[in-house]
Amino acid sequence: MSADKDAFYYQNHKLVLTRDAEACHDLALDIQAKNPRIDMIFSPILDVEKVVYALPALHPDAAVITTSKNAESIRQKYADALHYGIGTVPEIQDVAALVNHIETHHEKTRPLVYLRGHDVSFDLTQDLRAKGYLIEEHIVYKAHLATSLTPQFLTALDAGEIAYISFFSARTAAGFVALLPVALRAKLESIKALCLSAGVVNSLSELPWQECLVTPNKSRAAMVELIQTLYESD
């Protein structure tokens, strides 16, 4: 990190996190572990609602699949079952890697139970069924679009204090576009959008960003590394 990056630099190069509140907190901890001086603003685009109901008993040979930490509290009801999820082993950093891992390690005669959100960007159940797996799914949370961006974010945007805004999903990005006041759109011309996929970039395309950067893979670790690199080199 450059020695000349003082408090004024960080004050005027804020990073905005747009995931749901819990995910923003977890991401911020990872970012602060790399660089505790980064000034972050949370402006969650989605509000996660847990769906509470009685889950069925698990088959003795079944394994559980999750693709989001929002399902983790429900998964704990099946804590003794084999678990396939993002980050459960180092090579599983996105959904594509998760599917590949299951194909490599899971016998098709053993059932799978997918604990998922109401809205998903990739139909993992259909994909695995097409490959011959026995899989059932249960919706255990719903993510609702926020009604507004946070006042802290809007104030910092208007003041020109933001350098980067991170987006993890096309749905979050589209929500941001819908919620951003038209009068503040021009303020994005000096801001870089940090995106987890090309789909996220597409959802942001109508806004006048300085640049849209895409992580090399769809993982939180990749986003953290991109952020660290930007603050080191900018």
Protein backbone atom coordinates (compact mmCIF):
# COMPACT_ATOMS: atom_id res chain seq x y z
CA MET A 1 0.00 0.00 0.00
CA SER A 2 1.36 3.42 -0.92
CA ALA A 3 2.53 5.46 2.05
CA ASP A 4 0.86 8.61 0.64
CA LYS A 5 -2.62 7.11 0.92
CA ASP A 6 -3.72 8.99 3.99
CA ALA A 7 -7.05 9.44 5.72
CA PHE A 8 -8.14 11.97 3.07
CA TYR A 9 -7.60 9.40 0.33
CA TYR A 10 -9.78 6.80 2.04
CA GLN A 11 -12.41 9.40 2.89
CA ASN A 12 -12.77 10.16 -0.82
CA HIS A 13 -12.39 6.58 -2.10
CA LYS A 14 -15.20 4.86 -0.28
CA LEU A 15 -16.34 1.35 -1.18
CA VAL A 16 -20.06 0.57 -1.29
CA LEU A 17 -21.40 -2.92 -0.55
CA THR A 18 -24.86 -3.73 -1.93
CA ARG A 19 -25.51 -7.28 -0.73
CA ASP A 20 -28.10 -8.04 1.96
CA ALA A 21 -27.19 -6.75 5.43
CA GLU A 22 -25.73 -10.01 6.77
CA ALA A 23 -23.70 -10.64 3.63
CA CYS A 24 -22.43 -7.03 3.68
CA HIS A 25 -21.15 -7.59 7.21
CA ASP A 26 -19.38 -10.83 6.30
CA LEU A 27 -17.82 -9.31 3.18
CA ALA A 28 -16.67 -6.26 5.12
CA LEU A 29 -14.84 -8.46 7.63
CA ASP A 30 -12.93 -10.15 4.78
CA ILE A 31 -12.06 -6.78 3.24
CA GLN A 32 -10.94 -5.27 6.55
CA ALA A 33 -8.69 -8.26 7.18
CA LYS A 34 -6.78 -7.25 4.03
CA ASN A 35 -6.92 -3.49 4.49
CA PRO A 36 -8.54 -2.10 7.66
CA ARG A 37 -8.35 1.48 6.35
CA ILE A 38 -10.92 1.02 3.60
CA ASP A 39 -13.99 3.15 4.34
CA MET A 40 -17.12 1.14 3.52
CA ILE A 41 -20.78 2.03 3.20
CA PHE A 42 -23.55 -0.56 3.32
CA SER A 43 -26.53 0.00 1.04
CA PRO A 44 -28.29 -3.39 0.90
CA ILE A 45 -30.40 -3.84 -2.21
CA LEU A 46 -32.06 -7.02 -0.96
CA ASP A 47 -33.74 -7.81 2.35
CA VAL A 48 -33.62 -11.53 3.22
CA GLU A 49 -36.66 -13.15 4.82
CA LYS A 50 -36.20 -16.64 6.26
CA VAL A 51 -38.97 -19.09 5.42
CA VAL A 52 -39.75 -21.16 8.49
CA TYR A 53 -41.50 -24.49 8.12
CA ALA A 54 -41.05 -28.12 9.09
CA LEU A 55 -38.48 -29.75 6.83
CA PRO A 56 -38.86 -33.45 6.06
CA ALA A 57 -36.62 -36.06 7.61
CA LEU A 58 -33.49 -36.64 5.58
CA HIS A 59 -32.77 -39.94 3.88
CA PRO A 60 -29.79 -41.62 5.66
CA ASP A 61 -27.68 -41.50 2.47
CA ALA A 62 -28.70 -38.00 1.35
CA ALA A 63 -26.42 -34.99 1.02
CA VAL A 64 -27.43 -31.35 1.39
CA ILE A 65 -26.65 -28.62 -1.15
CA THR A 66 -26.55 -24.88 -0.44
CA THR A 67 -25.42 -22.00 -2.64
CA SER A 68 -25.89 -19.16 -0.15
CA LYS A 69 -25.10 -18.46 3.48
CA ASN A 70 -28.74 -17.42 3.82
CA ALA A 71 -29.60 -21.12 3.93
CA GLU A 72 -26.99 -21.96 6.55
CA SER A 73 -29.22 -21.69 9.63
CA ILE A 74 -31.70 -24.11 8.06
CA ARG A 75 -28.91 -26.45 6.98
CA GLN A 76 -27.89 -26.81 10.61
CA LYS A 77 -31.00 -28.97 11.05
CA TYR A 78 -29.16 -31.47 8.86
CA ALA A 79 -25.75 -30.81 10.41
CA ASP A 80 -24.77 -34.50 10.36
CA ALA A 81 -25.41 -34.89 6.63
CA LEU A 82 -22.78 -34.55 3.92
CA HIS A 83 -22.81 -30.95 2.72
CA TYR A 84 -21.95 -29.54 -0.71
CA GLY A 85 -21.76 -25.76 -0.73
CA ILE A 86 -19.83 -22.73 -1.90
CA GLY A 87 -16.55 -22.68 0.01
CA THR A 88 -16.94 -26.06 1.69
CA VAL A 89 -13.70 -27.06 -0.02
CA PRO A 90 -11.22 -24.66 -1.65
CA GLU A 91 -12.04 -25.65 -5.22
CA ILE A 92 -15.76 -24.80 -4.84
CA GLN A 93 -15.90 -21.03 -5.30
CA ASP A 94 -18.99 -20.73 -7.53
CA VAL A 95 -22.02 -22.71 -8.66
CA ALA A 96 -20.30 -24.13 -11.75
CA ALA A 97 -17.51 -25.52 -9.58
CA LEU A 98 -20.10 -26.87 -7.13
CA VAL A 99 -21.86 -28.83 -9.88
CA ASN A 100 -18.53 -30.18 -11.13
CA HIS A 101 -17.61 -31.28 -7.62
CA ILE A 102 -20.91 -33.10 -7.14
CA GLU A 103 -20.50 -34.86 -10.49
CA THR A 104 -17.03 -35.99 -9.45
CA HIS A 105 -17.74 -37.04 -5.87
CA HIS A 106 -21.43 -37.93 -5.47
CA GLU A 107 -23.02 -41.21 -6.53
CA LYS A 108 -26.22 -40.78 -8.51
CA THR A 109 -27.99 -43.40 -6.40
CA ARG A 110 -27.65 -41.18 -3.31
CA PRO A 111 -30.33 -38.47 -3.05
CA LEU A 112 -29.60 -34.75 -2.83
CA VAL A 113 -31.56 -32.04 -1.01
CA TYR A 114 -31.09 -28.46 -2.20
CA LEU A 115 -31.89 -25.68 0.30
CA ARG A 116 -32.36 -22.56 -1.81
CA GLY A 117 -33.81 -19.10 -2.09
CA HIS A 118 -37.06 -18.25 -3.85
CA ASP A 119 -35.14 -16.64 -6.73
CA VAL A 120 -32.01 -18.19 -8.21
CA SER A 121 -29.92 -17.16 -11.21
CA PHE A 122 -29.07 -20.76 -12.15
CA ASP A 123 -31.48 -23.72 -11.95
CA LEU A 124 -29.17 -26.16 -10.20
CA THR A 125 -31.99 -28.64 -9.58
CA GLN A 126 -32.91 -28.93 -13.25
CA ASP A 127 -29.24 -29.20 -14.23
CA LEU A 128 -28.51 -32.05 -11.82
CA ARG A 129 -31.74 -33.88 -12.67
CA ALA A 130 -30.78 -33.72 -16.34
CA LYS A 131 -27.50 -35.36 -15.36
CA GLY A 132 -29.37 -38.21 -13.67
CA TYR A 133 -29.27 -37.18 -10.00
CA LEU A 134 -32.09 -37.69 -7.51
CA ILE A 135 -32.66 -34.22 -6.09
CA GLU A 136 -35.42 -32.40 -4.24
CA GLU A 137 -35.43 -28.72 -3.36
CA HIS A 138 -36.85 -26.60 -0.54
CA ILE A 139 -37.17 -22.82 -0.54
CA VAL A 140 -35.86 -21.65 2.84
CA TYR A 141 -35.56 -17.89 2.28
CA LYS A 142 -36.83 -15.07 0.10
CA ALA A 143 -34.92 -11.95 -0.92
CA HIS A 144 -37.04 -8.82 -1.33
CA LEU A 145 -35.95 -5.68 -3.16
CA ALA A 146 -35.20 -2.74 -0.87
CA THR A 147 -37.48 0.28 -1.15
CA SER A 148 -34.61 2.79 -1.29
CA LEU A 149 -30.86 3.22 -1.17
CA THR A 150 -29.48 4.29 2.19
CA PRO A 151 -29.18 8.01 3.03
CA GLN A 152 -25.50 7.47 3.89
CA PHE A 153 -24.84 6.14 0.40
CA LEU A 154 -26.81 8.88 -1.36
CA THR A 155 -25.02 11.60 0.63
CA ALA A 156 -21.56 10.14 -0.12
CA LEU A 157 -22.46 9.72 -3.81
CA ASP A 158 -23.63 13.31 -4.11
CA ALA A 159 -20.44 14.50 -2.37
CA GLY A 160 -18.20 12.58 -4.79
CA GLU A 161 -16.67 10.43 -2.04
CA ILE A 162 -17.24 6.99 -3.62
CA ALA A 163 -14.68 5.17 -5.75
CA TYR A 164 -16.14 1.65 -6.06
CA ILE A 165 -19.51 -0.11 -5.78
CA SER A 166 -19.57 -3.92 -5.65
CA PHE A 167 -22.34 -6.12 -7.09
CA PHE A 168 -22.70 -9.87 -6.63
CA SER A 169 -25.77 -10.64 -8.73
CA ALA A 170 -27.66 -9.42 -11.76
CA ARG A 171 -30.77 -9.05 -9.60
CA THR A 172 -28.96 -6.80 -7.12
CA ALA A 173 -27.53 -4.75 -9.98
CA ALA A 174 -30.95 -4.33 -11.60
CA GLY A 175 -32.37 -3.30 -8.24
CA PHE A 176 -29.68 -0.67 -7.88
CA VAL A 177 -30.52 0.75 -11.31
CA ALA A 178 -34.21 0.93 -10.36
CA LEU A 179 -33.56 2.61 -7.00
CA LEU A 180 -30.90 5.15 -8.00
CA PRO A 181 -32.39 8.65 -8.38
CA VAL A 182 -32.04 9.93 -11.94
CA ALA A 183 -30.57 13.19 -10.65
CA LEU A 184 -27.56 11.29 -9.23
CA ARG A 185 -26.77 9.09 -12.23
CA ALA A 186 -24.08 11.44 -13.55
CA LYS A 187 -22.19 11.00 -10.27
CA LEU A 188 -21.30 7.46 -11.39
CA GLU A 189 -18.98 8.73 -14.14
CA SER A 190 -16.05 8.68 -11.71
CA ILE A 191 -16.98 5.35 -10.07
CA LYS A 192 -15.98 1.81 -10.98
CA ALA A 193 -18.55 -0.99 -10.69
CA LEU A 194 -17.06 -4.23 -9.36
CA CYS A 195 -19.02 -7.14 -10.80
CA LEU A 196 -19.08 -10.87 -10.14
CA SER A 197 -20.11 -11.78 -13.70
CA ALA A 198 -20.85 -10.48 -17.18
CA GLY A 199 -24.54 -10.79 -16.32
CA VAL A 200 -24.06 -8.21 -13.58
CA VAL A 201 -22.38 -5.87 -16.08
CA ASN A 202 -25.34 -6.24 -18.45
CA SER A 203 -27.75 -5.25 -15.67
CA LEU A 204 -25.72 -2.08 -15.03
CA SER A 205 -25.16 -1.15 -18.67
CA GLU A 206 -27.56 1.81 -18.82
CA LEU A 207 -25.62 3.70 -16.14
CA PRO A 208 -22.61 5.95 -16.97
CA TRP A 209 -19.85 4.14 -15.04
CA GLN A 210 -16.20 5.08 -15.35
CA GLU A 211 -15.59 1.35 -15.81
CA CYS A 212 -17.13 -2.04 -15.02
CA LEU A 213 -14.62 -4.60 -13.75
CA VAL A 214 -15.39 -8.33 -13.59
CA THR A 215 -13.81 -10.74 -11.13
CA PRO A 216 -11.93 -13.75 -12.61
CA ASN A 217 -14.40 -16.14 -10.99
CA LYS A 218 -17.75 -15.91 -9.20
CA SER A 219 -16.50 -16.04 -5.63
CA ARG A 220 -16.38 -13.72 -2.65
CA ALA A 221 -12.65 -14.34 -2.42
CA ALA A 222 -12.21 -13.07 -5.98
CA MET A 223 -14.14 -9.90 -5.16
CA VAL A 224 -12.04 -9.31 -2.04
CA GLU A 225 -8.86 -9.79 -4.07
CA LEU A 226 -10.06 -7.35 -6.76
CA ILE A 227 -10.83 -4.74 -4.11
CA GLN A 228 -7.43 -5.21 -2.49
CA THR A 229 -5.69 -4.85 -5.86
CA LEU A 230 -7.55 -1.65 -6.68
CA TYR A 231 -6.67 0.01 -3.39
CA GLU A 232 -3.03 -0.99 -3.81
CA SER A 233 -2.71 0.25 -7.38
CA ASP A 234 -5.14 3.16 -7.66
